[in-house]
C-alpha atoms as a PDB file:
ATOM      1  CA  MET A   1      32.950  -1.923   0.075  1.00  0.00           C
ATOM      2  CA  SER A   2      33.591  -5.669   0.398  1.00  0.00           C
ATOM      3  CA  ILE A   3      34.186  -8.478  -2.084  1.00  0.00           C
ATOM      4  CA  LEU A   4      32.418 -11.039   0.089  1.00  0.00           C
ATOM      5  CA  PRO A   5      28.942 -10.234   1.423  1.00  0.00           C
ATOM      6  CA  GLY A   6      28.463  -9.798   5.162  1.00  0.00           C
ATOM      7  CA  LYS A   7      26.458 -12.251   7.244  1.00  0.00           C
ATOM      8  CA  ASP A   8      23.308 -10.139   6.942  1.00  0.00           C
ATOM      9  CA  GLU A   9      23.590 -10.084   3.128  1.00  0.00           C
ATOM     10  CA  ARG A  10      24.258 -13.779   2.467  1.00  0.00           C
ATOM     11  CA  GLY A  11      20.569 -14.600   2.345  1.00  0.00           C
ATOM     12  CA  ILE A  12      20.031 -12.331  -0.664  1.00  0.00           C
ATOM     13  CA  VAL A  13      22.761 -13.920  -2.818  1.00  0.00           C
ATOM     14  CA  VAL A  14      21.444 -16.265  -5.539  1.00  0.00           C
ATOM     15  CA  PHE A  15      23.863 -18.788  -7.092  1.00  0.00           C
ATOM     16  CA  TRP A  16      23.698 -20.577 -10.445  1.00  0.00           C
ATOM     17  CA  LEU A  17      24.482 -24.094  -9.167  1.00  0.00           C
ATOM     18  CA  VAL A  18      22.728 -25.880  -6.267  1.00  0.00           C
ATOM     19  CA  PRO A  19      21.009 -22.713  -4.965  1.00  0.00           C
ATOM     20  CA  SER A  20      19.799 -24.523  -1.827  1.00  0.00           C
ATOM     21  CA  LEU A  21      23.359 -25.181  -0.592  1.00  0.00           C
ATOM     22  CA  SER A  22      24.247 -23.151   2.497  1.00  0.00           C
ATOM     23  CA  TYR A  23      26.633 -20.244   2.002  1.00  0.00           C
ATOM     24  CA  GLY A  24      29.317 -21.560   4.365  1.00  0.00           C
ATOM     25  CA  THR A  25      29.356 -25.037   2.838  1.00  0.00           C
ATOM     26  CA  ARG A  26      29.400 -23.605  -0.675  1.00  0.00           C
ATOM     27  CA  LEU A  27      32.309 -21.310   0.140  1.00  0.00           C
ATOM     28  CA  GLY A  28      34.309 -24.116   1.742  1.00  0.00           C
ATOM     29  CA  VAL A  29      33.768 -26.640  -1.061  1.00  0.00           C
ATOM     30  CA  GLY A  30      34.314 -24.087  -3.826  1.00  0.00           C
ATOM     31  CA  LEU A  31      37.570 -22.745  -2.413  1.00  0.00           C
ATOM     32  CA  THR A  32      38.843 -26.251  -1.667  1.00  0.00           C
ATOM     33  CA  LEU A  33      38.239 -27.381  -5.246  1.00  0.00           C
ATOM     34  CA  ALA A  34      39.877 -24.251  -6.651  1.00  0.00           C
ATOM     35  CA  ALA A  35      42.909 -24.605  -4.365  1.00  0.00           C
ATOM     36  CA  ALA A  36      43.247 -28.292  -5.234  1.00  0.00           C
ATOM     37  CA  GLY A  37      43.213 -27.414  -8.918  1.00  0.00           C
ATOM     38  CA  ILE A  38      45.977 -24.843  -8.504  1.00  0.00           C
ATOM     39  CA  VAL A  39      48.115 -27.248  -6.460  1.00  0.00           C
ATOM     40  CA  MET A  40      47.655 -29.930  -9.127  1.00  0.00           C
ATOM     41  CA  GLN A  41      48.796 -27.503 -11.819  1.00  0.00           C
ATOM     42  CA  VAL A  42      51.889 -26.509  -9.833  1.00  0.00           C
ATOM     43  CA  VAL A  43      52.828 -30.130  -9.125  1.00  0.00           C
ATOM     44  CA  SER A  44      52.185 -31.411 -12.657  1.00  0.00           C
ATOM     45  CA  GLY A  45      53.504 -28.363 -14.465  1.00  0.00           C
ATOM     46  CA  ALA A  46      50.508 -28.438 -16.809  1.00  0.00           C
ATOM     47  CA  ILE A  47      47.416 -26.260 -16.949  1.00  0.00           C
ATOM     48  CA  LEU A  48      44.737 -28.726 -18.012  1.00  0.00           C
ATOM     49  CA  PRO A  49      44.667 -31.365 -15.220  1.00  0.00           C
ATOM     50  CA  GLY A  50      43.916 -28.881 -12.484  1.00  0.00           C
ATOM     51  CA  ALA A  51      41.738 -26.697 -14.681  1.00  0.00           C
ATOM     52  CA  VAL A  52      38.776 -29.048 -14.244  1.00  0.00           C
ATOM     53  CA  LEU A  53      38.847 -28.752 -10.446  1.00  0.00           C
ATOM     54  CA  LEU A  54      39.477 -25.028 -10.706  1.00  0.00           C
ATOM     55  CA  ALA A  55      36.498 -24.536 -13.011  1.00  0.00           C
ATOM     56  CA  ALA A  56      34.267 -26.720 -10.823  1.00  0.00           C
ATOM     57  CA  GLY A  57      35.084 -24.727  -7.714  1.00  0.00           C
ATOM     58  CA  ASN A  58      34.564 -21.455  -9.522  1.00  0.00           C
ATOM     59  CA  LEU A  59      31.222 -22.524 -10.997  1.00  0.00           C
ATOM     60  CA  LEU A  60      30.004 -23.415  -7.528  1.00  0.00           C
ATOM     61  CA  LEU A  61      30.777 -19.856  -6.381  1.00  0.00           C
ATOM     62  CA  LEU A  62      29.376 -18.124  -9.454  1.00  0.00           C
ATOM     63  CA  VAL A  63      26.649 -15.697  -8.417  1.00  0.00           C
ATOM     64  CA  ARG A  64      23.483 -15.429 -10.477  1.00  0.00           C
ATOM     65  CA  GLY A  65      22.236 -12.248  -8.854  1.00  0.00           C
ATOM     66  CA  TYR A  66      21.197 -10.374  -5.750  1.00  0.00           C
ATOM     67  CA  ASP A  67      17.841  -9.325  -4.418  1.00  0.00           C
ATOM     68  CA  ASN A  68      17.960  -6.375  -2.036  1.00  0.00           C
ATOM     69  CA  ARG A  69      14.204  -5.925  -1.869  1.00  0.00           C
ATOM     70  CA  VAL A  70      14.176  -7.688   1.484  1.00  0.00           C
ATOM     71  CA  ASP A  71      15.605  -4.477   2.928  1.00  0.00           C
ATOM     72  CA  LEU A  72      12.124  -2.994   2.591  1.00  0.00           C
ATOM     73  CA  ARG A  73      10.206  -5.577   4.610  1.00  0.00           C
ATOM     74  CA  GLY A  74      10.071  -3.239   7.591  1.00  0.00           C
ATOM     75  CA  PHE A  75       7.159  -1.378   6.021  1.00  0.00           C
ATOM     76  CA  ASP A  76       3.717  -2.723   6.903  1.00  0.00           C
ATOM     77  CA  PRO A  77       1.351  -3.568   4.023  1.00  0.00           C
ATOM     78  CA  ALA A  78      -1.415  -1.117   3.189  1.00  0.00           C
ATOM     79  CA  VAL A  79      -3.808  -0.729   0.306  1.00  0.00           C
ATOM     80  CA  GLU A  80      -4.311   3.015   0.607  1.00  0.00           C
ATOM     81  CA  TRP A  81      -2.497   5.956   2.136  1.00  0.00           C
ATOM     82  CA  GLU A  82      -1.201   4.959   5.558  1.00  0.00           C
ATOM     83  CA  ARG A  83      -0.294   7.204   8.460  1.00  0.00           C
ATOM     84  CA  VAL A  84       3.322   6.787   9.509  1.00  0.00           C
ATOM     85  CA  GLU A  85       5.671   8.581  11.869  1.00  0.00           C
ATOM     86  CA  LEU A  86       7.501  11.646  10.604  1.00  0.00           C
ATOM     87  CA  GLU A  87      10.760   9.857  11.375  1.00  0.00           C
ATOM     88  CA  GLN A  88      10.033   7.700   8.312  1.00  0.00           C
ATOM     89  CA  LEU A  89      11.285  10.568   6.155  1.00  0.00           C
ATOM     90  CA  ASP A  90      14.739  10.226   7.709  1.00  0.00           C
ATOM     91  CA  GLU A  91      14.533   6.429   7.526  1.00  0.00           C
ATOM     92  CA  LEU A  92      13.700   6.509   3.812  1.00  0.00           C
ATOM     93  CA  ALA A  93      16.626   8.818   3.101  1.00  0.00           C
ATOM     94  CA  ALA A  94      18.936   6.599   5.178  1.00  0.00           C
ATOM     95  CA  LEU A  95      17.636   3.491   3.396  1.00  0.00           C
ATOM     96  CA  ASP A  96      18.446   5.025   0.029  1.00  0.00           C
ATOM     97  CA  ARG A  97      22.004   5.769   1.178  1.00  0.00           C
ATOM     98  CA  ARG A  98      22.465   2.198   2.454  1.00  0.00           C
ATOM     99  CA  ILE A  99      21.166   0.702  -0.801  1.00  0.00           C
ATOM    100  CA  ARG A 100      23.504   2.834  -2.895  1.00  0.00           C
ATOM    101  CA  ARG A 101      26.481   1.885  -0.714  1.00  0.00           C
ATOM    102  CA  TRP A 102      25.465  -1.767  -1.080  1.00  0.00           C
ATOM    103  CA  ASP A 103      25.577  -1.389  -4.865  1.00  0.00           C
ATOM    104  CA  ARG A 104      29.250  -0.379  -4.839  1.00  0.00           C
ATOM    105  CA  SER A 105      30.955  -3.773  -5.189  1.00  0.00           C
ATOM    106  CA  ALA A 106      34.495  -4.392  -6.430  1.00  0.00           C
ATOM    107  CA  LEU A 107      33.234  -7.490  -8.292  1.00  0.00           C
ATOM    108  CA  ASP A 108      30.518  -5.769 -10.309  1.00  0.00           C
ATOM    109  CA  VAL A 109      31.224  -3.870 -13.539  1.00  0.00           C
ATOM    110  CA  SER A 110      27.934  -1.959 -13.292  1.00  0.00           C
ATOM    111  CA  ASN A 111      29.456   0.571 -10.859  1.00  0.00           C
ATOM    112  CA  GLY A 112      32.518   2.778 -11.120  1.00  0.00           C
ATOM    113  CA  VAL A 113      34.542   1.024  -8.427  1.00  0.00           C
ATOM    114  CA  GLY A 114      33.972  -2.416  -9.916  1.00  0.00           C
ATOM    115  CA  LEU A 115      34.760  -1.240 -13.446  1.00  0.00           C
ATOM    116  CA  VAL A 116      38.098   0.289 -12.400  1.00  0.00           C
ATOM    117  CA  VAL A 117      39.100  -2.825 -10.451  1.00  0.00           C
ATOM    118  CA  PHE A 118      38.055  -5.030 -13.388  1.00  0.00           C
ATOM    119  CA  VAL A 119      40.188  -3.077 -15.876  1.00  0.00           C
ATOM    120  CA  VAL A 120      43.222  -3.072 -13.557  1.00  0.00           C
ATOM    121  CA  VAL A 121      43.021  -6.769 -12.660  1.00  0.00           C
ATOM    122  CA  VAL A 122      42.393  -7.955 -16.223  1.00  0.00           C
ATOM    123  CA  GLY A 123      45.166  -5.697 -17.491  1.00  0.00           C
ATOM    124  CA  VAL A 124      47.712  -6.995 -14.982  1.00  0.00           C
ATOM    125  CA  LEU A 125      46.768 -10.651 -15.463  1.00  0.00           C
ATOM    126  CA  GLY A 126      46.736 -10.258 -19.236  1.00  0.00           C
ATOM    127  CA  TRP A 127      50.196  -8.685 -19.132  1.00  0.00           C
ATOM    128  CA  LEU A 128      51.502 -11.551 -16.975  1.00  0.00           C
ATOM    129  CA  THR A 129      50.005 -14.098 -19.369  1.00  0.00           C
ATOM    130  CA  VAL A 130      51.731 -12.566 -22.394  1.00  0.00           C
ATOM    131  CA  THR A 131      55.030 -11.667 -20.744  1.00  0.00           C
ATOM    132  CA  PHE A 132      55.992 -14.562 -18.462  1.00  0.00           C
ATOM    133  CA  PRO A 133      56.122 -18.281 -19.284  1.00  0.00           C
ATOM    134  CA  GLY A 134      55.734 -21.208 -16.916  1.00  0.00           C
ATOM    135  CA  ASP A 135      54.081 -20.955 -13.500  1.00  0.00           C
ATOM    136  CA  PRO A 136      53.449 -17.161 -13.613  1.00  0.00           C
ATOM    137  CA  ARG A 137      51.515 -17.603 -16.866  1.00  0.00           C
ATOM    138  CA  THR A 138      49.565 -20.512 -15.411  1.00  0.00           C
ATOM    139  CA  LEU A 139      48.630 -18.525 -12.301  1.00  0.00           C
ATOM    140  CA  ALA A 140      47.651 -15.509 -14.405  1.00  0.00           C
ATOM    141  CA  ILE A 141      45.367 -17.650 -16.573  1.00  0.00           C
ATOM    142  CA  ASP A 142      43.884 -19.186 -13.429  1.00  0.00           C
ATOM    143  CA  GLY A 143      43.258 -15.694 -12.107  1.00  0.00           C
ATOM    144  CA  LEU A 144      41.391 -14.749 -15.272  1.00  0.00           C
ATOM    145  CA  VAL A 145      39.323 -17.930 -15.116  1.00  0.00           C
ATOM    146  CA  LEU A 146      38.509 -17.382 -11.445  1.00  0.00           C
ATOM    147  CA  LEU A 147      37.784 -13.667 -11.410  1.00  0.00           C
ATOM    148  CA  VAL A 148      36.398 -12.531 -14.767  1.00  0.00           C
ATOM    149  CA  PRO A 149      33.123 -14.532 -14.591  1.00  0.00           C
ATOM    150  CA  HIS A 150      32.291 -12.940 -11.244  1.00  0.00           C
ATOM    151  CA  TRP A 151      32.442  -9.461 -12.758  1.00  0.00           C
ATOM    152  CA  LEU A 152      30.155 -10.406 -15.629  1.00  0.00           C
ATOM    153  CA  THR A 153      27.455 -12.342 -13.745  1.00  0.00           C
ATOM    154  CA  GLY A 154      25.377 -11.566 -10.706  1.00  0.00           C
ATOM    155  CA  ILE A 155      25.384  -7.822 -11.310  1.00  0.00           C
ATOM    156  CA  ARG A 156      23.749  -6.056  -8.411  1.00  0.00           C
ATOM    157  CA  ARG A 157      20.475  -4.478  -9.440  1.00  0.00           C
ATOM    158  CA  ILE A 158      19.431  -2.093  -6.728  1.00  0.00           C
ATOM    159  CA  LEU A 159      15.799  -1.314  -6.101  1.00  0.00           C
ATOM    160  CA  VAL A 160      15.571   2.436  -5.572  1.00  0.00           C
ATOM    161  CA  LYS A 161      12.758   4.912  -5.950  1.00  0.00           C
ATOM    162  CA  PRO A 162      14.474   8.086  -7.154  1.00  0.00           C
ATOM    163  CA  LYS A 163      11.194   9.961  -7.569  1.00  0.00           C
ATOM    164  CA  LEU A 164      10.145   8.992  -4.060  1.00  0.00           C
ATOM    165  CA  LEU A 165      13.427  10.313  -2.680  1.00  0.00           C
ATOM    166  CA  VAL A 166      12.925  13.615  -4.502  1.00  0.00           C
ATOM    167  CA  ARG A 167       9.532  13.889  -2.793  1.00  0.00           C
ATOM    168  CA  VAL A 168      11.044  12.965   0.566  1.00  0.00           C
ATOM    169  CA  GLU A 169      13.779  15.599   0.355  1.00  0.00           C
ATOM    170  CA  THR A 170      11.291  18.284  -0.714  1.00  0.00           C
ATOM    171  CA  ILE A 171       8.896  17.498   2.135  1.00  0.00           C
ATOM    172  CA  ARG A 172      11.708  17.301   4.695  1.00  0.00           C
ATOM    173  CA  ALA A 173      12.950  20.742   3.700  1.00  0.00           C
ATOM    174  CA  VAL A 174       9.458  22.260   3.873  1.00  0.00           C
ATOM    175  CA  LEU A 175       8.668  20.793   7.296  1.00  0.00           C
ATOM    176  CA  ASP A 176      12.093  21.599   8.737  1.00  0.00           C
ATOM    177  CA  GLY A 177      11.724  25.212   7.660  1.00  0.00           C
ATOM    178  CA  ALA A 178       8.391  25.532   9.486  1.00  0.00           C
ATOM    179  CA  ARG A 179       9.235  23.370  12.511  1.00  0.00           C
ATOM    180  CA  HIS A 180       8.633  26.056  15.160  1.00  0.00           C
ATOM    181  CA  ARG A 181       5.415  27.251  13.603  1.00  0.00           C
ATOM    182  CA  LEU A 182       4.064  23.710  13.352  1.00  0.00           C
ATOM    183  CA  ALA A 183       4.742  22.910  17.000  1.00  0.00           C
ATOM    184  CA  ARG A 184       1.165  23.671  18.089  1.00  0.00           C
ATOM    185  CA  HIS A 185      -0.458  21.846  15.183  1.00  0.00           C
ATOM    186  CA  ARG A 186      -0.755  18.135  14.442  1.00  0.00           C
ATOM    187  CA  VAL A 187       1.389  17.013  11.513  1.00  0.00           C
ATOM    188  CA  GLN A 188       0.898  13.572   9.971  1.00  0.00           C
ATOM    189  CA  LEU A 189       2.966  11.843   7.316  1.00  0.00           C
ATOM    190  CA  LEU A 190       1.014   9.722   4.833  1.00  0.00           C
ATOM    191  CA  MET A 191       2.657   7.016   2.739  1.00  0.00           C
ATOM    192  CA  LEU A 192       1.344   5.020  -0.202  1.00  0.00           C
ATOM    193  CA  LEU A 193       2.642   1.444  -0.383  1.00  0.00           C
ATOM    194  CA  ARG A 194       2.390  -0.694  -3.497  1.00  0.00           C
ATOM    195  CA  GLY A 195       3.351  -4.216  -4.460  1.00  0.00           C
ATOM    196  CA  GLY A 196       2.400  -7.818  -3.900  1.00  0.00           C
ATOM    197  CA  GLU A 197       3.980  -9.921  -1.176  1.00  0.00           C
ATOM    198  CA  VAL A 198       6.466  -7.179  -0.328  1.00  0.00           C
ATOM    199  CA  ARG A 199       5.037  -3.666  -0.491  1.00  0.00           C
ATOM    200  CA  ILE A 200       7.339  -0.738  -0.936  1.00  0.00           C
ATOM    201  CA  PRO A 201       6.846   3.024  -0.515  1.00  0.00           C
ATOM    202  CA  ASP A 202       5.648   4.600  -3.749  1.00  0.00           C
ATOM    203  CA  ASP A 203       4.511   8.088  -2.726  1.00  0.00           C
ATOM    204  CA  VAL A 204       4.484  10.338   0.317  1.00  0.00           C
ATOM    205  CA  LYS A 205       2.638  13.466   1.420  1.00  0.00           C
ATOM    206  CA  PHE A 206       1.801  15.187   4.698  1.00  0.00           C
ATOM    207  CA  ARG A 207      -1.228  16.627   6.434  1.00  0.00           C
ATOM    208  CA  VAL A 208      -1.462  19.498   8.898  1.00  0.00           C
ATOM    209  CA  ASP A 209      -4.451  19.754  11.231  1.00  0.00           C
ATOM    210  CA  PRO A 210      -4.429  23.302  12.643  1.00  0.00           C
ATOM    211  CA  ALA A 211      -5.101  23.620  16.347  1.00  0.00           C
ATOM    212  CA  ASP A 212      -8.790  24.137  17.246  1.00  0.00           C
ATOM    213  CA  LYS A 213      -9.988  23.612  13.685  1.00  0.00           C
ATOM    214  CA  HIS A 214     -13.641  22.953  12.849  1.00  0.00           C
ATOM    215  CA  GLU A 215     -14.438  19.266  12.317  1.00  0.00           C
ATOM    216  CA  ASP A 216     -15.638  19.955   8.768  1.00  0.00           C
ATOM    217  CA  PHE A 217     -12.299  21.485   7.840  1.00  0.00           C
ATOM    218  CA  LEU A 218     -10.222  18.426   6.961  1.00  0.00           C
ATOM    219  CA  GLY A 219      -6.839  20.086   7.038  1.00  0.00           C
ATOM    220  CA  LEU A 220      -3.970  21.191   4.831  1.00  0.00           C
ATOM    221  CA  TYR A 221      -2.077  18.708   2.657  1.00  0.00           C
ATOM    222  CA  GLY A 222       1.399  19.150   1.218  1.00  0.00           C
ATOM    223  CA  GLN A 223       2.101  17.104  -1.910  1.00  0.00           C
ATOM    224  CA  VAL A 224       4.812  16.747  -4.548  1.00  0.00           C
ATOM    225  CA  VAL A 225       4.486  15.674  -8.163  1.00  0.00           C
ATOM    226  CA  ILE A 226       7.543  14.875 -10.255  1.00  0.00           C
ATOM    227  CA  ASN A 227       8.289  16.346 -13.661  1.00  0.00           C
ATOM    228  CA  ASP A 228      10.929  14.486 -15.687  1.00  0.00           C
ATOM    229  CA  VAL A 229      13.080  16.612 -17.971  1.00  0.00           C
ATOM    230  CA  GLN A 230      15.887  14.916 -19.928  1.00  0.00           C
ATOM    231  CA  GLY A 231      16.308  12.197 -17.314  1.00  0.00           C
ATOM    232  CA  THR A 232      16.233  14.516 -14.297  1.00  0.00           C
ATOM    233  CA  SER A 233      13.372  14.510 -11.787  1.00  0.00           C
ATOM    234  CA  TYR A 234      12.162  17.940 -10.670  1.00  0.00           C
ATOM    235  CA  PRO A 235       9.744  18.405  -7.757  1.00  0.00           C
ATOM    236  CA  TYR A 236       6.585  20.479  -8.083  1.00  0.00           C
ATOM    237  CA  PHE A 237       5.254  21.208  -4.594  1.00  0.00           C
ATOM    238  CA  TYR A 238       1.751  22.451  -3.843  1.00  0.00           C
ATOM    239  CA  VAL A 239      -0.706  22.539  -0.950  1.00  0.00           C
ATOM    240  CA  VAL A 240      -4.350  21.524  -0.828  1.00  0.00           C
ATOM    241  CA  LEU A 241      -6.918  22.705   1.713  1.00  0.00           C
ATOM    242  CA  VAL A 242      -9.800  20.262   2.082  1.00  0.00           C
ATOM    243  CA  ALA A 243     -13.234  20.629   3.684  1.00  0.00           C
ATOM    244  CA  ARG A 244     -16.534  18.796   3.654  1.00  0.00           C
ATOM    245  CA  GLY A 245     -19.163  20.028   1.236  1.00  0.00           C
ATOM    246  CA  GLY A 246     -20.954  23.151   2.392  1.00  0.00           C
ATOM    247  CA  PHE A 247     -18.129  24.340   4.625  1.00  0.00           C
ATOM    248  CA  GLY A 248     -17.583  27.504   2.606  1.00  0.00           C
ATOM    249  CA  LEU A 249     -14.093  26.963   1.249  1.00  0.00           C
ATOM    250  CA  GLN A 250     -15.094  28.601  -2.028  1.00  0.00           C
ATOM    251  CA  GLU A 251     -15.669  31.894  -0.205  1.00  0.00           C
ATOM    252  CA  VAL A 252     -12.296  31.499   1.480  1.00  0.00           C
ATOM    253  CA  CYS A 253     -10.649  30.969  -1.906  1.00  0.00           C
ATOM    254  CA  ALA A 254     -12.427  33.984  -3.380  1.00  0.00           C
ATOM    255  CA  GLY A 255     -11.142  36.186  -0.559  1.00  0.00           C
ATOM    256  CA  TYR A 256      -7.541  34.982  -0.809  1.00  0.00           C
ATOM    257  CA  ASP A 257      -5.184  37.130  -2.898  1.00  0.00           C
ATOM    258  CA  PRO A 258      -2.059  35.082  -3.714  1.00  0.00           C
ATOM    259  CA  PRO A 259       1.218  36.956  -4.093  1.00  0.00           C
ATOM    260  CA  GLY A 260       3.627  36.954  -7.017  1.00  0.00           C
ATOM    261  CA  GLU A 261       3.953  33.689  -8.900  1.00  0.00           C
ATOM    262  CA  ILE A 262       1.485  31.807  -6.691  1.00  0.00           C
ATOM    263  CA  VAL A 263      -1.964  30.889  -8.013  1.00  0.00           C
ATOM    264  CA  LYS A 264      -5.130  29.502  -6.412  1.00  0.00           C
ATOM    265  CA  GLU A 265      -7.770  27.072  -7.641  1.00  0.00           C
ATOM    266  CA  PHE A 266     -11.052  25.781  -6.253  1.00  0.00           C
ATOM    267  CA  LYS A 267     -13.194  22.774  -7.111  1.00  0.00           C
ATOM    268  CA  VAL A 268     -15.742  20.442  -5.595  1.00  0.00           C
ATOM    269  CA  GLN A 269     -14.949  16.752  -5.938  1.00  0.00           C
ATOM    270  CA  ASP A 270     -16.938  13.850  -4.453  1.00  0.00           C
ATOM    271  CA  GLN A 271     -18.806  16.203  -2.086  1.00  0.00           C
ATOM    272  CA  VAL A 272     -15.516  17.593  -0.841  1.00  0.00           C
ATOM    273  CA  GLU A 273     -14.360  21.191  -1.277  1.00  0.00           C
ATOM    274  CA  VAL A 274     -10.778  21.545  -2.442  1.00  0.00           C
ATOM    275  CA  MET A 275      -8.606  24.663  -2.602  1.00  0.00           C
ATOM    276  CA  VAL A 276      -5.194  24.403  -4.241  1.00  0.00           C
ATOM    277  CA  ILE A 277      -2.306  26.838  -3.758  1.00  0.00           C
ATOM    278  CA  ARG A 278       0.571  26.287  -6.161  1.00  0.00           C
ATOM    279  CA  GLN A 279       3.284  27.868  -8.272  1.00  0.00           C
ATOM    280  CA  ARG A 280       2.247  29.452 -11.566  1.00  0.00           C
ATOM    281  CA  THR A 281       3.233  27.416 -14.618  1.00  0.00           C
ATOM    282  CA  THR A 282       3.530  28.155 -18.329  1.00  0.00           C
ATOM    283  CA  LYS A 283       4.324  25.939 -21.303  1.00  0.00           C
ATOM    284  CA  THR A 284       8.033  26.485 -20.726  1.00  0.00           C
ATOM    285  CA  SER A 285       8.536  27.319 -17.042  1.00  0.00           C
ATOM    286  CA  GLY A 286       7.324  26.900 -13.504  1.00  0.00           C
ATOM    287  CA  TYR A 287       7.324  23.100 -13.333  1.00  0.00           C
ATOM    288  CA  HIS A 288      10.238  23.006 -10.874  1.00  0.00           C
ATOM    289  CA  THR A 289       9.417  24.301  -7.397  1.00  0.00           C
ATOM    290  CA  LYS A 290      12.710  25.344  -5.827  1.00  0.00           C
ATOM    291  CA  PRO A 291      13.153  24.969  -2.040  1.00  0.00           C
ATOM    292  CA  GLU A 292      12.519  28.647  -1.299  1.00  0.00           C
ATOM    293  CA  ALA A 293       9.376  28.654  -3.438  1.00  0.00           C
ATOM    294  CA  ALA A 294       8.118  25.426  -1.834  1.00  0.00           C
ATOM    295  CA  SER A 295       8.520  26.912   1.641  1.00  0.00           C
ATOM    296  CA  HIS A 296       6.747  30.086   0.515  1.00  0.00           C
ATOM    297  CA  ILE A 297       3.814  28.116  -0.888  1.00  0.00           C
ATOM    298  CA  PHE A 298       3.523  26.124   2.327  1.00  0.00           C
ATOM    299  CA  ARG A 299       3.573  29.262   4.469  1.00  0.00           C
ATOM    300  CA  GLU A 300       0.805  30.754   2.331  1.00  0.00           C
ATOM    301  CA  GLY A 301      -1.292  27.625   2.732  1.00  0.00           C
ATOM    302  CA  LEU A 302      -0.628  27.459   6.458  1.00  0.00           C
ATOM    303  CA  ASP A 303      -1.641  31.119   6.833  1.00  0.00           C
ATOM    304  CA  VAL A 304      -4.988  30.359   5.204  1.00  0.00           C
ATOM    305  CA  ALA A 305      -5.471  27.173   7.240  1.00  0.00           C
ATOM    306  CA  GLU A 306      -4.746  28.935  10.532  1.00  0.00           C
ATOM    307  CA  ARG A 307      -7.174  31.743   9.718  1.00  0.00           C
ATOM    308  CA  ILE A 308      -9.867  29.217   8.826  1.00  0.00           C
ATOM    309  CA  ALA A 309      -9.271  27.393  12.112  1.00  0.00           C
ATOM    310  CA  ALA A 310      -9.453  30.675  14.025  1.00  0.00           C
ATOM    311  CA  GLY A 311     -12.667  31.650  12.241  1.00  0.00           C
ATOM    312  CA  ALA A 312     -11.052  34.796  10.867  1.00  0.00           C
ATOM    313  CA  SER A 313     -11.584  36.214   7.397  1.00  0.00           C
ATOM    314  CA  VAL A 314      -8.841  35.534   4.870  1.00  0.00           C
END
């Protein structure tokens, strides 16, 4: 946590006055004006003469806002699902942690740290203003004039994708749990990027191509949809086996007997055969796939995919 932004963050700070002025020049001029105003007040013994310089310096430093979207420029633009390295899962999780740390500023009432500091500082300065006459009162008023506006303007609005992070954590857990079994297969991470000039990750899924699979069998996909219940995002994980039309995936689905609370579905869409393996749902339950259930569903799908690749009967 830092009151002043680091060198790598100064480019994302937007000021109210003269936004084109460089950060270093702005800081120097603003602090000089504020210091000159305080000195003038001390020398003259009056608040008003130096208040003009103090206010001018403070206005020059008053932040309008922040834009942390530039942190996402490392992702290449893409219109459709794009293949990315599996390490992107860890990078997305790390990015989310960095963004949330960035949001914790002592001069921002929109987070807990900033709110506590604001209450303490305003309380102390207010007490000094009421209790002590003369220079202490003048300095306390100056402190209120200097500090309070910075808590109430330029609130940091972080750009996070909570639903995306729920998907990321679900997929990471599933893949980590099957790491040894997946060693002989090809696993690809697919990411959907959206936006205009700067595209950001919006969705993520993965694909498993079993070793020695037939070219018409297009692989096994693991996907997560999000169900929102009273402001909380719950993951619903399922797997999809995909094959070109005429491959015979319907017969595979007919011969597969899912265990327990797992169900199967088959359909043909755009000349592609699709078999879905998912958790059973009702009107009141089943829309949250817990980690153990997600891993179980993936293992079931991988069993079917491996048998298809081996040419064995399900």
